[in-house]
Amino acid sequence: MEKVYCLLDNKSKVYQIPFYASSEGHAKFGCTRFLLSDDGKHIHPVDFDLFYLGDYDQTNGKFSLLDVPEHILNLGNISLQEDEEKLSVTVEKKQKDN
């Protein structure tokens, strides 16, 4: 079972294309990685909110969506300096394992 998330662009009031994550923590980590990427450096994090939309069952191809998207956090609340350190530790560990 995968969880379905998306970002809301608060300026344009448009939900972005949904993405899948195994947990809320994984979705937040993905947002952090995006903000640290070259593409993410050109946006204002406070303009985006992360929402949980529901679940996707990979065994039968069915979605189970919430009636109303659940707000998780505003990307402006992600501490990039702290998370960048965690990200580098995770990347370093994976490289050592290979």
C-alpha atoms as a PDB file:
ATOM      1  CA  MET A   1       0.000   0.000   0.000  1.00  0.00           C
ATOM      2  CA  GLU A   2       1.386   3.376  -1.019  1.00  0.00           C
ATOM      3  CA  LYS A   3       0.254   6.717   0.349  1.00  0.00           C
ATOM      4  CA  VAL A   4      -0.688   9.470  -2.106  1.00  0.00           C
ATOM      5  CA  TYR A   5       0.504  13.047  -1.524  1.00  0.00           C
ATOM      6  CA  CYS A   6       0.633  16.286  -3.469  1.00  0.00           C
ATOM      7  CA  LEU A   7       1.707  19.885  -3.097  1.00  0.00           C
ATOM      8  CA  LEU A   8      -0.672  22.826  -3.235  1.00  0.00           C
ATOM      9  CA  ASP A   9       0.739  25.959  -4.842  1.00  0.00           C
ATOM     10  CA  ASN A  10      -0.795  28.645  -2.635  1.00  0.00           C
ATOM     11  CA  LYS A  11      -0.142  31.410  -5.161  1.00  0.00           C
ATOM     12  CA  SER A  12      -1.964  29.772  -8.079  1.00  0.00           C
ATOM     13  CA  LYS A  13      -4.329  27.708  -5.855  1.00  0.00           C
ATOM     14  CA  VAL A  14      -3.506  24.616  -7.937  1.00  0.00           C
ATOM     15  CA  TYR A  15      -2.720  21.134  -6.638  1.00  0.00           C
ATOM     16  CA  GLN A  16       0.388  19.700  -8.292  1.00  0.00           C
ATOM     17  CA  ILE A  17       0.665  16.193  -9.767  1.00  0.00           C
ATOM     18  CA  PRO A  18       0.321  13.608  -6.955  1.00  0.00           C
ATOM     19  CA  PHE A  19       3.245  11.459  -5.880  1.00  0.00           C
ATOM     20  CA  TYR A  20       3.567   8.259  -3.864  1.00  0.00           C
ATOM     21  CA  ALA A  21       5.429   7.651  -0.623  1.00  0.00           C
ATOM     22  CA  SER A  22       5.519   4.736   1.809  1.00  0.00           C
ATOM     23  CA  SER A  23       4.943   7.023   4.816  1.00  0.00           C
ATOM     24  CA  GLU A  24       4.447  10.633   5.858  1.00  0.00           C
ATOM     25  CA  GLY A  25       8.117  10.816   6.843  1.00  0.00           C
ATOM     26  CA  HIS A  26       9.129   9.607   3.389  1.00  0.00           C
ATOM     27  CA  ALA A  27       6.911  12.280   1.780  1.00  0.00           C
ATOM     28  CA  LYS A  28       8.488  15.004   3.950  1.00  0.00           C
ATOM     29  CA  PHE A  29      11.955  13.709   3.082  1.00  0.00           C
ATOM     30  CA  GLY A  30      11.051  13.880  -0.632  1.00  0.00           C
ATOM     31  CA  CYS A  31       9.964  17.497  -0.193  1.00  0.00           C
ATOM     32  CA  THR A  32      13.249  18.278   1.556  1.00  0.00           C
ATOM     33  CA  ARG A  33      15.238  16.689  -1.259  1.00  0.00           C
ATOM     34  CA  PHE A  34      13.246  18.742  -3.782  1.00  0.00           C
ATOM     35  CA  LEU A  35      13.937  21.997  -1.897  1.00  0.00           C
ATOM     36  CA  LEU A  36      17.657  21.179  -1.843  1.00  0.00           C
ATOM     37  CA  SER A  37      17.714  20.350  -5.574  1.00  0.00           C
ATOM     38  CA  ASP A  38      18.517  22.876  -8.300  1.00  0.00           C
ATOM     39  CA  ASP A  39      14.814  23.079  -9.255  1.00  0.00           C
ATOM     40  CA  GLY A  40      13.719  23.574  -5.655  1.00  0.00           C
ATOM     41  CA  LYS A  41      16.112  26.452  -5.075  1.00  0.00           C
ATOM     42  CA  HIS A  42      14.047  28.614  -7.447  1.00  0.00           C
ATOM     43  CA  ILE A  43      10.785  28.449  -5.465  1.00  0.00           C
ATOM     44  CA  HIS A  44       9.582  30.032  -2.247  1.00  0.00           C
ATOM     45  CA  PRO A  45       8.878  27.133   0.155  1.00  0.00           C
ATOM     46  CA  VAL A  46       6.228  29.118   2.053  1.00  0.00           C
ATOM     47  CA  ASP A  47       4.138  29.136  -1.146  1.00  0.00           C
ATOM     48  CA  PHE A  48       3.628  25.341  -0.977  1.00  0.00           C
ATOM     49  CA  ASP A  49       1.730  23.016   1.340  1.00  0.00           C
ATOM     50  CA  LEU A  50       1.991  19.225   1.478  1.00  0.00           C
ATOM     51  CA  PHE A  51      -1.298  17.304   1.519  1.00  0.00           C
ATOM     52  CA  TYR A  52      -2.131  13.639   2.076  1.00  0.00           C
ATOM     53  CA  LEU A  53      -4.775  12.480  -0.411  1.00  0.00           C
ATOM     54  CA  GLY A  54      -5.295   8.800   0.476  1.00  0.00           C
ATOM     55  CA  ASP A  55      -3.903   5.383  -0.395  1.00  0.00           C
ATOM     56  CA  TYR A  56      -3.134   3.352  -3.486  1.00  0.00           C
ATOM     57  CA  ASP A  57      -3.297  -0.448  -3.310  1.00  0.00           C
ATOM     58  CA  GLN A  58      -0.685  -1.922  -5.633  1.00  0.00           C
ATOM     59  CA  THR A  59      -2.258  -5.379  -5.497  1.00  0.00           C
ATOM     60  CA  ASN A  60      -5.559  -4.366  -7.088  1.00  0.00           C
ATOM     61  CA  GLY A  61      -4.846  -0.952  -8.665  1.00  0.00           C
ATOM     62  CA  LYS A  62      -7.476   0.834  -6.588  1.00  0.00           C
ATOM     63  CA  PHE A  63      -7.300   4.199  -4.895  1.00  0.00           C
ATOM     64  CA  SER A  64      -8.899   4.957  -1.549  1.00  0.00           C
ATOM     65  CA  LEU A  65      -8.989   8.744  -1.411  1.00  0.00           C
ATOM     66  CA  LEU A  66     -10.041  11.048   1.412  1.00  0.00           C
ATOM     67  CA  ASP A  67     -13.117  13.223   0.904  1.00  0.00           C
ATOM     68  CA  VAL A  68     -10.989  16.251   1.822  1.00  0.00           C
ATOM     69  CA  PRO A  69      -7.179  16.399   1.437  1.00  0.00           C
ATOM     70  CA  GLU A  70      -5.396  16.363   4.821  1.00  0.00           C
ATOM     71  CA  HIS A  71      -2.914  19.188   5.391  1.00  0.00           C
ATOM     72  CA  ILE A  72       0.485  17.901   6.550  1.00  0.00           C
ATOM     73  CA  LEU A  73       2.773  20.942   6.563  1.00  0.00           C
ATOM     74  CA  ASN A  74       3.873  24.122   4.861  1.00  0.00           C
ATOM     75  CA  LEU A  75       7.212  23.625   3.123  1.00  0.00           C
ATOM     76  CA  GLY A  76       8.425  26.853   4.730  1.00  0.00           C
ATOM     77  CA  ASN A  77       8.522  24.936   8.028  1.00  0.00           C
ATOM     78  CA  ILE A  78      11.186  22.512   6.772  1.00  0.00           C
ATOM     79  CA  SER A  79      14.572  23.281   8.292  1.00  0.00           C
ATOM     80  CA  LEU A  80      16.853  22.887   5.284  1.00  0.00           C
ATOM     81  CA  GLN A  81      20.159  23.245   7.112  1.00  0.00           C
ATOM     82  CA  GLU A  82      19.274  20.489   9.578  1.00  0.00           C
ATOM     83  CA  ASP A  83      17.686  18.291   6.915  1.00  0.00           C
ATOM     84  CA  GLU A  84      20.587  18.815   4.493  1.00  0.00           C
ATOM     85  CA  GLU A  85      22.902  17.298   7.135  1.00  0.00           C
ATOM     86  CA  LYS A  86      20.556  14.328   7.553  1.00  0.00           C
ATOM     87  CA  LEU A  87      20.339  13.968   3.773  1.00  0.00           C
ATOM     88  CA  SER A  88      24.118  13.887   3.384  1.00  0.00           C
ATOM     89  CA  VAL A  89      24.431  11.277   6.134  1.00  0.00           C
ATOM     90  CA  THR A  90      21.805   9.116   4.420  1.00  0.00           C
ATOM     91  CA  VAL A  91      23.480   9.464   1.020  1.00  0.00           C
ATOM     92  CA  GLU A  92      26.912   8.713   2.479  1.00  0.00           C
ATOM     93  CA  LYS A  93      25.611   5.616   4.230  1.00  0.00           C
ATOM     94  CA  LYS A  94      24.001   4.282   1.046  1.00  0.00           C
ATOM     95  CA  GLN A  95      27.197   4.870  -0.913  1.00  0.00           C
ATOM     96  CA  LYS A  96      29.221   2.923   1.670  1.00  0.00           C
ATOM     97  CA  ASP A  97      26.748   0.010   1.481  1.00  0.00           C
ATOM     98  CA  ASN A  98      27.278  -0.357  -2.291  1.00  0.00           C
END
